[in-house]
């Protein structure tokens, strides 16, 4: 069911009991496969731990930049996508609007409260492990040093490339022999 009609129908429920019953009718997945949780966690981390730096309107590169607010919103919306039959807009620009509609009405809390606790814990654990892995692989000292070594290697290779292309290997061998 699309989000707007869902919200309209939810608002017609007069008692808290009827509202919870309506929410429970739309929770369709008691279990989400582990690999799906891992894929969603990776997508959340990619979207909330990197920022794109633009150069003249074109994407130049992604820089490490943590956005915990985006991570929270994406996590909540992922719960809707994974466990309910509620269809959100495909337009990424509508995510904040949809989040506000669900959160502001209290529906988001009711949905999350009615998802299996073990499932929520496992998803949150997978998300946390994904975040921890990213920090260890990209941000800690060893990752910084590795990135700098790679960067210097690229710079040296770029600088020496024209020199090495014009080099006559036979003359180099001849010079080495003369030095011996």
N, C-alpha and C. Protein backbone atom coordinates (compact mmCIF):
# COMPACT_ATOMS: atom_id res chain seq x y z
N UNK A 1 0.84 -1.17 0.00
CA UNK A 1 0.00 0.00 0.00
C UNK A 1 0.90 1.24 0.00
N UNK A 2 0.55 2.20 -0.81
CA UNK A 2 1.32 3.43 -0.89
C UNK A 2 1.20 4.21 0.42
N UNK A 3 2.23 4.99 0.73
CA UNK A 3 2.32 5.68 2.01
C UNK A 3 1.16 6.64 2.26
N UNK A 4 0.80 7.46 1.28
CA UNK A 4 -0.26 8.45 1.50
C UNK A 4 -1.60 7.80 1.83
N UNK A 5 -2.07 6.81 1.07
CA UNK A 5 -3.32 6.15 1.46
C UNK A 5 -3.20 5.43 2.81
N UNK A 6 -2.03 4.88 3.09
CA UNK A 6 -1.81 4.23 4.38
C UNK A 6 -2.03 5.23 5.51
N UNK A 7 -1.41 6.41 5.39
CA UNK A 7 -1.55 7.43 6.43
C UNK A 7 -2.99 7.91 6.55
N UNK A 8 -3.67 8.06 5.42
CA UNK A 8 -5.08 8.48 5.43
C UNK A 8 -5.94 7.46 6.17
N UNK A 9 -5.73 6.18 5.85
CA UNK A 9 -6.51 5.12 6.52
C UNK A 9 -6.16 5.04 8.00
N UNK A 10 -4.90 5.20 8.33
CA UNK A 10 -4.48 5.16 9.74
C UNK A 10 -5.22 6.22 10.55
N UNK A 11 -5.33 7.41 9.98
CA UNK A 11 -5.98 8.53 10.68
C UNK A 11 -7.47 8.30 10.90
N UNK A 12 -8.07 7.39 10.12
CA UNK A 12 -9.50 7.11 10.32
C UNK A 12 -9.75 6.17 11.49
N UNK A 13 -8.71 5.52 11.97
CA UNK A 13 -8.85 4.60 13.11
C UNK A 13 -9.03 5.43 14.37
N UNK A 14 -10.15 5.22 15.06
CA UNK A 14 -10.53 6.09 16.18
C UNK A 14 -9.88 5.74 17.51
N UNK A 15 -9.51 4.50 17.71
CA UNK A 15 -8.94 4.11 19.01
C UNK A 15 -7.50 3.64 18.83
N UNK A 16 -6.71 3.76 19.90
CA UNK A 16 -5.32 3.26 19.82
C UNK A 16 -5.26 1.77 19.47
N UNK A 17 -6.21 1.01 19.95
CA UNK A 17 -6.24 -0.43 19.66
C UNK A 17 -6.43 -0.68 18.16
N UNK A 18 -7.35 0.09 17.55
CA UNK A 18 -7.59 -0.06 16.11
C UNK A 18 -6.37 0.40 15.31
N UNK A 19 -5.68 1.43 15.79
CA UNK A 19 -4.48 1.91 15.12
C UNK A 19 -3.38 0.84 15.13
N UNK A 20 -3.17 0.23 16.30
CA UNK A 20 -2.15 -0.81 16.42
C UNK A 20 -2.53 -2.02 15.56
N UNK A 21 -3.78 -2.38 15.56
CA UNK A 21 -4.26 -3.49 14.73
C UNK A 21 -3.99 -3.20 13.26
N UNK A 22 -4.26 -1.97 12.84
CA UNK A 22 -4.01 -1.56 11.45
C UNK A 22 -2.52 -1.65 11.12
N UNK A 23 -1.68 -1.19 12.04
CA UNK A 23 -0.22 -1.26 11.84
C UNK A 23 0.20 -2.72 11.68
N UNK A 24 -0.27 -3.59 12.57
CA UNK A 24 0.11 -5.00 12.53
C UNK A 24 -0.29 -5.67 11.22
N UNK A 25 -1.39 -5.23 10.63
CA UNK A 25 -1.84 -5.79 9.35
C UNK A 25 -0.83 -5.51 8.23
N UNK A 26 -0.03 -4.47 8.40
CA UNK A 26 0.90 -4.07 7.34
C UNK A 26 2.34 -4.50 7.60
N UNK A 27 2.58 -5.16 8.71
CA UNK A 27 3.91 -5.75 8.94
C UNK A 27 3.86 -7.13 8.31
N UNK A 28 4.59 -7.27 7.23
CA UNK A 28 4.49 -8.49 6.41
C UNK A 28 5.68 -9.43 6.54
N UNK A 29 6.80 -8.95 7.06
CA UNK A 29 7.98 -9.80 7.15
C UNK A 29 8.38 -9.99 8.60
N UNK A 30 8.34 -11.25 9.04
CA UNK A 30 8.82 -11.57 10.39
C UNK A 30 10.33 -11.78 10.39
N UNK A 31 10.85 -12.10 9.21
CA UNK A 31 12.28 -12.35 9.11
C UNK A 31 12.78 -11.82 7.77
N UNK A 32 13.90 -11.12 7.81
CA UNK A 32 14.57 -10.65 6.61
C UNK A 32 15.90 -11.40 6.55
N UNK A 33 16.23 -12.02 5.41
CA UNK A 33 17.48 -12.77 5.31
C UNK A 33 18.70 -11.92 5.68
N UNK A 34 19.65 -12.57 6.28
CA UNK A 34 20.86 -11.91 6.77
C UNK A 34 21.56 -11.11 5.67
N UNK A 35 21.67 -11.71 4.47
CA UNK A 35 22.37 -11.03 3.39
C UNK A 35 21.64 -9.75 2.96
N UNK A 36 20.32 -9.74 3.06
CA UNK A 36 19.55 -8.53 2.74
C UNK A 36 19.82 -7.45 3.80
N UNK A 37 19.86 -7.85 5.06
CA UNK A 37 20.20 -6.90 6.13
C UNK A 37 21.58 -6.31 5.90
N UNK A 38 22.54 -7.16 5.51
CA UNK A 38 23.91 -6.69 5.28
C UNK A 38 23.95 -5.71 4.10
N UNK A 39 23.22 -6.01 3.04
CA UNK A 39 23.19 -5.11 1.88
C UNK A 39 22.58 -3.76 2.24
N UNK A 40 21.49 -3.78 3.00
CA UNK A 40 20.84 -2.53 3.40
C UNK A 40 21.75 -1.74 4.34
N UNK A 41 22.41 -2.43 5.25
CA UNK A 41 23.34 -1.77 6.17
C UNK A 41 24.48 -1.10 5.40
N UNK A 42 25.02 -1.78 4.40
CA UNK A 42 26.09 -1.19 3.57
C UNK A 42 25.59 0.04 2.82
N UNK A 43 24.36 -0.01 2.33
CA UNK A 43 23.80 1.15 1.61
C UNK A 43 23.61 2.33 2.56
N UNK A 44 23.14 2.05 3.77
CA UNK A 44 22.96 3.12 4.77
C UNK A 44 24.31 3.75 5.10
N UNK A 45 25.31 2.92 5.33
CA UNK A 45 26.64 3.43 5.69
C UNK A 45 27.24 4.23 4.53
N UNK A 46 27.11 3.74 3.33
CA UNK A 46 27.65 4.47 2.17
C UNK A 46 26.99 5.84 2.04
N UNK A 47 25.67 5.89 2.25
CA UNK A 47 24.94 7.15 2.10
C UNK A 47 25.18 8.11 3.25
N UNK A 48 25.52 7.58 4.43
CA UNK A 48 25.63 8.46 5.60
C UNK A 48 27.06 8.66 6.11
N UNK A 49 28.03 8.00 5.50
CA UNK A 49 29.42 8.17 5.94
C UNK A 49 30.30 8.78 4.85
N UNK A 50 29.72 9.11 3.72
CA UNK A 50 30.48 9.74 2.65
C UNK A 50 29.70 10.93 2.12
N UNK A 51 30.45 11.92 1.67
CA UNK A 51 29.82 13.06 1.02
C UNK A 51 30.50 13.26 -0.31
N UNK A 52 29.72 13.58 -1.29
CA UNK A 52 30.29 13.79 -2.62
C UNK A 52 30.77 15.22 -2.74
N UNK A 53 31.98 15.36 -3.25
CA UNK A 53 32.56 16.68 -3.49
C UNK A 53 32.44 16.94 -4.98
N UNK A 54 31.85 18.07 -5.32
CA UNK A 54 31.61 18.37 -6.73
C UNK A 54 32.61 19.39 -7.25
N UNK A 55 32.93 19.24 -8.52
CA UNK A 55 33.82 20.17 -9.21
C UNK A 55 33.13 20.56 -10.51
N UNK A 56 32.70 21.81 -10.59
CA UNK A 56 32.01 22.32 -11.78
C UNK A 56 30.81 21.45 -12.16
N UNK A 57 30.03 21.03 -11.15
CA UNK A 57 28.81 20.28 -11.41
C UNK A 57 28.99 18.79 -11.62
N UNK A 58 30.23 18.34 -11.75
CA UNK A 58 30.48 16.91 -11.94
C UNK A 58 31.00 16.32 -10.64
N UNK A 59 30.64 15.05 -10.38
CA UNK A 59 31.14 14.41 -9.17
C UNK A 59 32.62 14.16 -9.33
N UNK A 60 33.39 14.69 -8.40
CA UNK A 60 34.84 14.54 -8.45
C UNK A 60 35.27 13.33 -7.63
N UNK A 61 34.80 13.28 -6.38
CA UNK A 61 35.18 12.16 -5.52
C UNK A 61 34.27 12.12 -4.30
N UNK A 62 34.34 11.03 -3.58
CA UNK A 62 33.62 10.91 -2.33
C UNK A 62 34.60 11.10 -1.19
N UNK A 63 34.22 11.91 -0.22
CA UNK A 63 35.06 12.15 0.94
C UNK A 63 34.38 11.56 2.17
N UNK A 64 35.19 11.05 3.07
CA UNK A 64 34.69 10.51 4.33
C UNK A 64 34.08 11.65 5.14
N UNK A 65 32.80 11.53 5.46
CA UNK A 65 32.11 12.58 6.20
C UNK A 65 30.89 11.93 6.87
N UNK A 66 30.91 11.81 8.18
CA UNK A 66 29.84 11.13 8.91
C UNK A 66 28.63 12.05 9.06
N UNK A 67 27.45 11.52 8.72
CA UNK A 67 26.19 12.25 8.89
C UNK A 67 25.25 11.34 9.68
N UNK A 68 25.34 11.41 11.01
CA UNK A 68 24.56 10.54 11.89
C UNK A 68 23.06 10.79 11.77
N UNK A 69 22.69 12.02 11.49
CA UNK A 69 21.27 12.36 11.33
C UNK A 69 20.69 11.61 10.12
N UNK A 70 21.41 11.61 9.03
CA UNK A 70 20.97 10.86 7.84
C UNK A 70 20.94 9.37 8.13
N UNK A 71 21.93 8.89 8.86
CA UNK A 71 21.98 7.46 9.21
C UNK A 71 20.73 7.05 9.98
N UNK A 72 20.31 7.86 10.95
CA UNK A 72 19.11 7.55 11.74
C UNK A 72 17.87 7.51 10.84
N UNK A 73 17.70 8.53 10.02
CA UNK A 73 16.53 8.58 9.14
C UNK A 73 16.51 7.39 8.18
N UNK A 74 17.65 7.10 7.57
CA UNK A 74 17.72 5.99 6.62
C UNK A 74 17.47 4.65 7.31
N UNK A 75 17.93 4.51 8.54
CA UNK A 75 17.69 3.28 9.29
C UNK A 75 16.19 3.10 9.53
N UNK A 76 15.53 4.16 9.97
CA UNK A 76 14.08 4.08 10.22
C UNK A 76 13.31 3.77 8.94
N UNK A 77 13.65 4.45 7.86
CA UNK A 77 12.95 4.21 6.60
C UNK A 77 13.23 2.80 6.07
N UNK A 78 14.42 2.29 6.35
CA UNK A 78 14.75 0.92 5.94
C UNK A 78 13.88 -0.10 6.68
N UNK A 79 13.56 0.20 7.93
CA UNK A 79 12.66 -0.68 8.69
C UNK A 79 11.29 -0.76 7.99
N UNK A 80 10.82 0.37 7.50
CA UNK A 80 9.56 0.41 6.77
C UNK A 80 9.67 -0.45 5.51
N UNK A 81 10.75 -0.26 4.76
CA UNK A 81 10.95 -1.00 3.52
C UNK A 81 11.11 -2.50 3.74
N UNK A 82 11.83 -2.88 4.78
CA UNK A 82 12.14 -4.29 5.00
C UNK A 82 10.99 -5.08 5.61
N UNK A 83 10.23 -4.47 6.49
CA UNK A 83 9.28 -5.24 7.29
C UNK A 83 7.81 -4.98 7.01
N UNK A 84 7.49 -3.95 6.23
CA UNK A 84 6.07 -3.66 5.97
C UNK A 84 5.76 -3.73 4.49
N UNK A 85 4.48 -3.63 4.18
CA UNK A 85 4.06 -3.57 2.78
C UNK A 85 3.81 -2.12 2.36
N UNK A 86 4.27 -1.18 3.14
CA UNK A 86 4.09 0.23 2.83
C UNK A 86 5.09 0.61 1.74
N UNK A 87 4.58 1.19 0.66
CA UNK A 87 5.41 1.57 -0.47
C UNK A 87 5.75 3.05 -0.36
N UNK A 88 7.04 3.30 -0.27
CA UNK A 88 7.49 4.69 -0.24
C UNK A 88 7.79 5.15 -1.67
N UNK A 89 7.89 6.45 -1.83
CA UNK A 89 8.18 7.03 -3.13
C UNK A 89 9.57 6.59 -3.59
N UNK A 90 9.71 6.43 -4.88
CA UNK A 90 11.03 6.09 -5.46
C UNK A 90 11.91 7.34 -5.56
N UNK A 91 11.31 8.50 -5.41
CA UNK A 91 12.02 9.77 -5.47
C UNK A 91 12.77 9.98 -4.16
N UNK A 92 14.12 9.96 -4.23
CA UNK A 92 14.94 10.13 -3.02
C UNK A 92 14.68 11.46 -2.32
N UNK A 93 14.28 12.46 -3.07
CA UNK A 93 14.01 13.77 -2.50
C UNK A 93 12.80 13.79 -1.58
N UNK A 94 11.99 12.74 -1.63
CA UNK A 94 10.78 12.68 -0.80
C UNK A 94 11.03 11.96 0.53
N UNK A 95 12.22 11.42 0.72
CA UNK A 95 12.51 10.64 1.93
C UNK A 95 12.29 11.43 3.21
N UNK A 96 12.76 12.66 3.25
CA UNK A 96 12.60 13.48 4.45
C UNK A 96 11.13 13.77 4.71
N UNK A 97 10.39 14.08 3.66
CA UNK A 97 8.96 14.34 3.78
C UNK A 97 8.23 13.09 4.32
N UNK A 98 8.57 11.93 3.79
CA UNK A 98 7.94 10.69 4.25
C UNK A 98 8.33 10.38 5.70
N UNK A 99 9.60 10.59 6.02
CA UNK A 99 10.04 10.37 7.39
C UNK A 99 9.26 11.27 8.35
N UNK A 100 9.12 12.54 8.00
CA UNK A 100 8.39 13.46 8.86
C UNK A 100 6.93 13.07 9.01
N UNK A 101 6.32 12.59 7.94
CA UNK A 101 4.92 12.16 8.01
C UNK A 101 4.77 10.97 8.96
N UNK A 102 5.67 10.01 8.85
CA UNK A 102 5.61 8.82 9.71
C UNK A 102 5.99 9.15 11.16
N UNK A 103 7.04 9.91 11.32
CA UNK A 103 7.55 10.20 12.65
C UNK A 103 6.65 11.19 13.40
N UNK A 104 6.21 12.21 12.71
CA UNK A 104 5.39 13.23 13.34
C UNK A 104 4.04 12.73 13.81
N UNK A 105 3.55 11.70 13.17
CA UNK A 105 2.24 11.15 13.53
C UNK A 105 2.34 10.05 14.59
N UNK A 106 3.56 9.63 14.90
CA UNK A 106 3.76 8.53 15.85
C UNK A 106 3.67 7.16 15.21
N UNK A 107 3.37 7.12 13.90
CA UNK A 107 3.24 5.84 13.20
C UNK A 107 4.57 5.09 13.15
N UNK A 108 5.65 5.82 12.95
CA UNK A 108 6.97 5.20 12.88
C UNK A 108 7.27 4.41 14.15
N UNK A 109 7.02 5.01 15.29
CA UNK A 109 7.25 4.32 16.57
C UNK A 109 6.39 3.08 16.68
N UNK A 110 5.12 3.18 16.29
CA UNK A 110 4.21 2.01 16.37
C UNK A 110 4.69 0.88 15.46
N UNK A 111 5.16 1.23 14.28
CA UNK A 111 5.65 0.20 13.36
C UNK A 111 6.86 -0.50 13.97
N UNK A 112 7.82 0.29 14.44
CA UNK A 112 9.05 -0.30 14.99
C UNK A 112 8.75 -1.13 16.24
N UNK A 113 7.81 -0.69 17.06
CA UNK A 113 7.44 -1.45 18.26
C UNK A 113 6.81 -2.80 17.92
N UNK A 114 6.25 -2.91 16.72
CA UNK A 114 5.57 -4.14 16.34
C UNK A 114 6.39 -5.04 15.44
N UNK A 115 7.63 -4.67 15.21
CA UNK A 115 8.56 -5.56 14.49
C UNK A 115 9.22 -6.44 15.55
N UNK A 116 9.46 -7.68 15.20
CA UNK A 116 10.07 -8.64 16.11
C UNK A 116 11.36 -8.08 16.72
N UNK A 117 11.47 -8.14 18.06
CA UNK A 117 12.64 -7.60 18.76
C UNK A 117 13.95 -8.22 18.29
N UNK A 118 13.95 -9.53 18.10
CA UNK A 118 15.17 -10.21 17.65
C UNK A 118 15.60 -9.68 16.29
N UNK A 119 14.64 -9.45 15.40
CA UNK A 119 14.94 -8.91 14.08
C UNK A 119 15.56 -7.51 14.18
N UNK A 120 14.97 -6.68 15.01
CA UNK A 120 15.50 -5.32 15.19
C UNK A 120 16.92 -5.35 15.74
N UNK A 121 17.13 -6.21 16.73
CA UNK A 121 18.47 -6.31 17.33
C UNK A 121 19.48 -6.80 16.31
N UNK A 122 19.09 -7.80 15.52
CA UNK A 122 20.03 -8.32 14.53
C UNK A 122 20.34 -7.27 13.46
N UNK A 123 19.31 -6.56 12.98
CA UNK A 123 19.56 -5.54 11.98
C UNK A 123 20.46 -4.45 12.54
N UNK A 124 20.19 -3.99 13.76
CA UNK A 124 21.01 -2.95 14.37
C UNK A 124 22.44 -3.43 14.61
N UNK A 125 22.60 -4.72 14.95
CA UNK A 125 23.92 -5.29 15.14
C UNK A 125 24.68 -5.31 13.81
N UNK A 126 24.02 -5.73 12.74
CA UNK A 126 24.65 -5.77 11.41
C UNK A 126 25.03 -4.35 10.98
N UNK A 127 24.16 -3.39 11.22
CA UNK A 127 24.45 -2.00 10.87
C UNK A 127 25.65 -1.49 11.67
N UNK A 128 25.69 -1.80 12.97
CA UNK A 128 26.81 -1.34 13.79
C UNK A 128 28.12 -1.99 13.35
N UNK A 129 28.08 -3.28 13.02
CA UNK A 129 29.29 -3.95 12.54
C UNK A 129 29.78 -3.32 11.24
N UNK A 130 28.85 -2.98 10.37
CA UNK A 130 29.20 -2.34 9.10
C UNK A 130 29.86 -0.98 9.34
N UNK A 131 29.31 -0.23 10.28
CA UNK A 131 29.90 1.08 10.65
C UNK A 131 31.29 0.88 11.25
N UNK A 132 31.42 -0.09 12.15
CA UNK A 132 32.72 -0.36 12.78
C UNK A 132 33.76 -0.77 11.75
N UNK A 133 33.36 -1.60 10.80
CA UNK A 133 34.28 -2.04 9.75
C UNK A 133 34.75 -0.85 8.92
N UNK A 134 33.83 0.01 8.57
CA UNK A 134 34.20 1.18 7.79
C UNK A 134 35.21 2.04 8.55
N UNK A 135 34.95 2.27 9.82
CA UNK A 135 35.87 3.08 10.62
C UNK A 135 37.25 2.43 10.68
N UNK A 136 37.29 1.12 10.88
CA UNK A 136 38.58 0.42 10.96
C UNK A 136 39.29 0.42 9.61
N UNK A 137 38.54 0.25 8.53
CA UNK A 137 39.15 0.14 7.20
C UNK A 137 39.49 1.46 6.55
N UNK A 138 38.79 2.52 6.91
CA UNK A 138 38.96 3.78 6.21
C UNK A 138 39.50 4.92 7.06
N UNK A 139 39.30 4.87 8.37
CA UNK A 139 39.55 6.07 9.16
C UNK A 139 40.66 5.93 10.18
N UNK A 140 40.93 4.73 10.65
CA UNK A 140 41.96 4.56 11.68
C UNK A 140 43.35 4.81 11.11
N UNK A 141 44.35 4.91 11.99
CA UNK A 141 45.71 5.27 11.59
C UNK A 141 46.27 4.42 10.45
N UNK A 142 46.10 3.11 10.53
CA UNK A 142 46.66 2.25 9.48
C UNK A 142 46.04 2.55 8.13
N UNK A 143 44.75 2.89 8.12
CA UNK A 143 44.08 3.23 6.86
C UNK A 143 44.60 4.56 6.32
N UNK A 144 44.82 5.51 7.21
CA UNK A 144 45.36 6.81 6.80
C UNK A 144 46.74 6.64 6.19
N UNK A 145 47.58 5.86 6.85
CA UNK A 145 48.95 5.64 6.34
C UNK A 145 48.91 4.93 4.99
N UNK A 146 48.06 3.90 4.87
CA UNK A 146 47.93 3.18 3.60
C UNK A 146 47.50 4.13 2.48
N UNK A 147 46.54 5.00 2.78
CA UNK A 147 46.05 5.95 1.77
C UNK A 147 47.15 6.92 1.35
N UNK A 148 47.97 7.35 2.32
CA UNK A 148 49.05 8.29 2.00
C UNK A 148 50.12 7.60 1.15
N UNK A 149 50.44 6.36 1.48
CA UNK A 149 51.43 5.61 0.70
C UNK A 149 50.93 5.44 -0.73
N UNK A 150 49.66 5.09 -0.90
CA UNK A 150 49.09 4.94 -2.24
C UNK A 150 49.12 6.27 -2.99
N UNK A 151 48.80 7.34 -2.29
CA UNK A 151 48.79 8.68 -2.90
C UNK A 151 50.20 9.05 -3.38
N UNK A 152 51.21 8.85 -2.52
CA UNK A 152 52.58 9.17 -2.91
C UNK A 152 53.05 8.28 -4.07
N UNK A 153 52.65 7.02 -4.04
CA UNK A 153 52.98 6.12 -5.14
C UNK A 153 52.42 6.62 -6.46
N UNK A 154 51.20 7.10 -6.44
CA UNK A 154 50.56 7.63 -7.64
C UNK A 154 51.28 8.89 -8.10
N UNK A 155 51.61 9.77 -7.16
CA UNK A 155 52.32 11.01 -7.51
C UNK A 155 53.68 10.72 -8.12
N UNK A 156 54.42 9.82 -7.51
CA UNK A 156 55.75 9.47 -8.01
C UNK A 156 55.64 8.84 -9.40
N UNK A 157 54.71 7.93 -9.55
CA UNK A 157 54.51 7.27 -10.83
C UNK A 157 54.18 8.29 -11.92
N UNK A 158 53.31 9.23 -11.59
CA UNK A 158 52.93 10.27 -12.55
C UNK A 158 54.11 11.15 -12.90
N UNK A 159 54.91 11.50 -11.90
CA UNK A 159 56.06 12.39 -12.13
C UNK A 159 57.16 11.69 -12.92
N UNK A 160 57.41 10.42 -12.64
CA UNK A 160 58.51 9.71 -13.30
C UNK A 160 58.14 9.13 -14.66
N UNK A 161 56.87 9.01 -14.93
CA UNK A 161 56.41 8.39 -16.16
C UNK A 161 57.04 9.01 -17.42
N UNK A 162 57.02 10.34 -17.57
CA UNK A 162 57.62 10.92 -18.78
C UNK A 162 59.13 10.67 -18.88
N UNK A 163 59.80 10.65 -17.74
CA UNK A 163 61.25 10.43 -17.72
C UNK A 163 61.55 9.00 -18.16
N UNK A 164 60.80 8.06 -17.61
CA UNK A 164 61.06 6.65 -17.92
C UNK A 164 60.72 6.30 -19.36
N UNK A 165 59.73 6.99 -19.93
CA UNK A 165 59.35 6.71 -21.31
C UNK A 165 60.47 7.10 -22.29
N UNK A 166 61.22 8.14 -21.98
CA UNK A 166 62.29 8.59 -22.87
C UNK A 166 63.62 7.92 -22.61
N UNK A 167 63.65 7.00 -21.69
CA UNK A 167 64.90 6.36 -21.29
C UNK A 167 65.28 5.25 -22.25
N UNK A 168 66.54 5.23 -22.65
CA UNK A 168 67.06 4.18 -23.51
C UNK A 168 67.68 3.12 -22.59
N UNK A 169 67.06 1.96 -22.51
CA UNK A 169 67.50 0.91 -21.59
C UNK A 169 68.89 0.39 -21.92
N UNK A 170 69.24 0.38 -23.20
CA UNK A 170 70.58 -0.08 -23.58
C UNK A 170 71.65 0.86 -23.03
N UNK A 171 71.39 2.16 -23.06
CA UNK A 171 72.35 3.13 -22.52
C UNK A 171 72.43 3.01 -21.01
N UNK A 172 71.33 2.73 -20.36
CA UNK A 172 71.34 2.57 -18.90
C UNK A 172 72.19 1.37 -18.54
N UNK A 173 72.01 0.26 -19.25
CA UNK A 173 72.82 -0.94 -18.99
C UNK A 173 74.30 -0.65 -19.21
N UNK A 174 74.61 0.10 -20.26
CA UNK A 174 75.99 0.45 -20.57
C UNK A 174 76.59 1.29 -19.45
N UNK A 175 75.83 2.24 -18.91
CA UNK A 175 76.31 3.09 -17.83
C UNK A 175 76.53 2.25 -16.55
N UNK A 176 75.66 1.34 -16.28
CA UNK A 176 75.79 0.48 -15.10
C UNK A 176 77.07 -0.35 -15.22
N UNK A 177 77.35 -0.87 -16.38
CA UNK A 177 78.55 -1.67 -16.61
C UNK A 177 79.80 -0.82 -16.41
N UNK A 178 79.74 0.43 -16.83
CA UNK A 178 80.91 1.31 -16.70
C UNK A 178 81.18 1.63 -15.22
N UNK A 179 80.13 1.74 -14.43
CA UNK A 179 80.29 2.06 -13.01
C UNK A 179 80.87 0.86 -12.27
N UNK A 180 80.59 -0.34 -12.68
CA UNK A 180 81.08 -1.54 -11.99
C UNK A 180 82.53 -1.61 -12.14
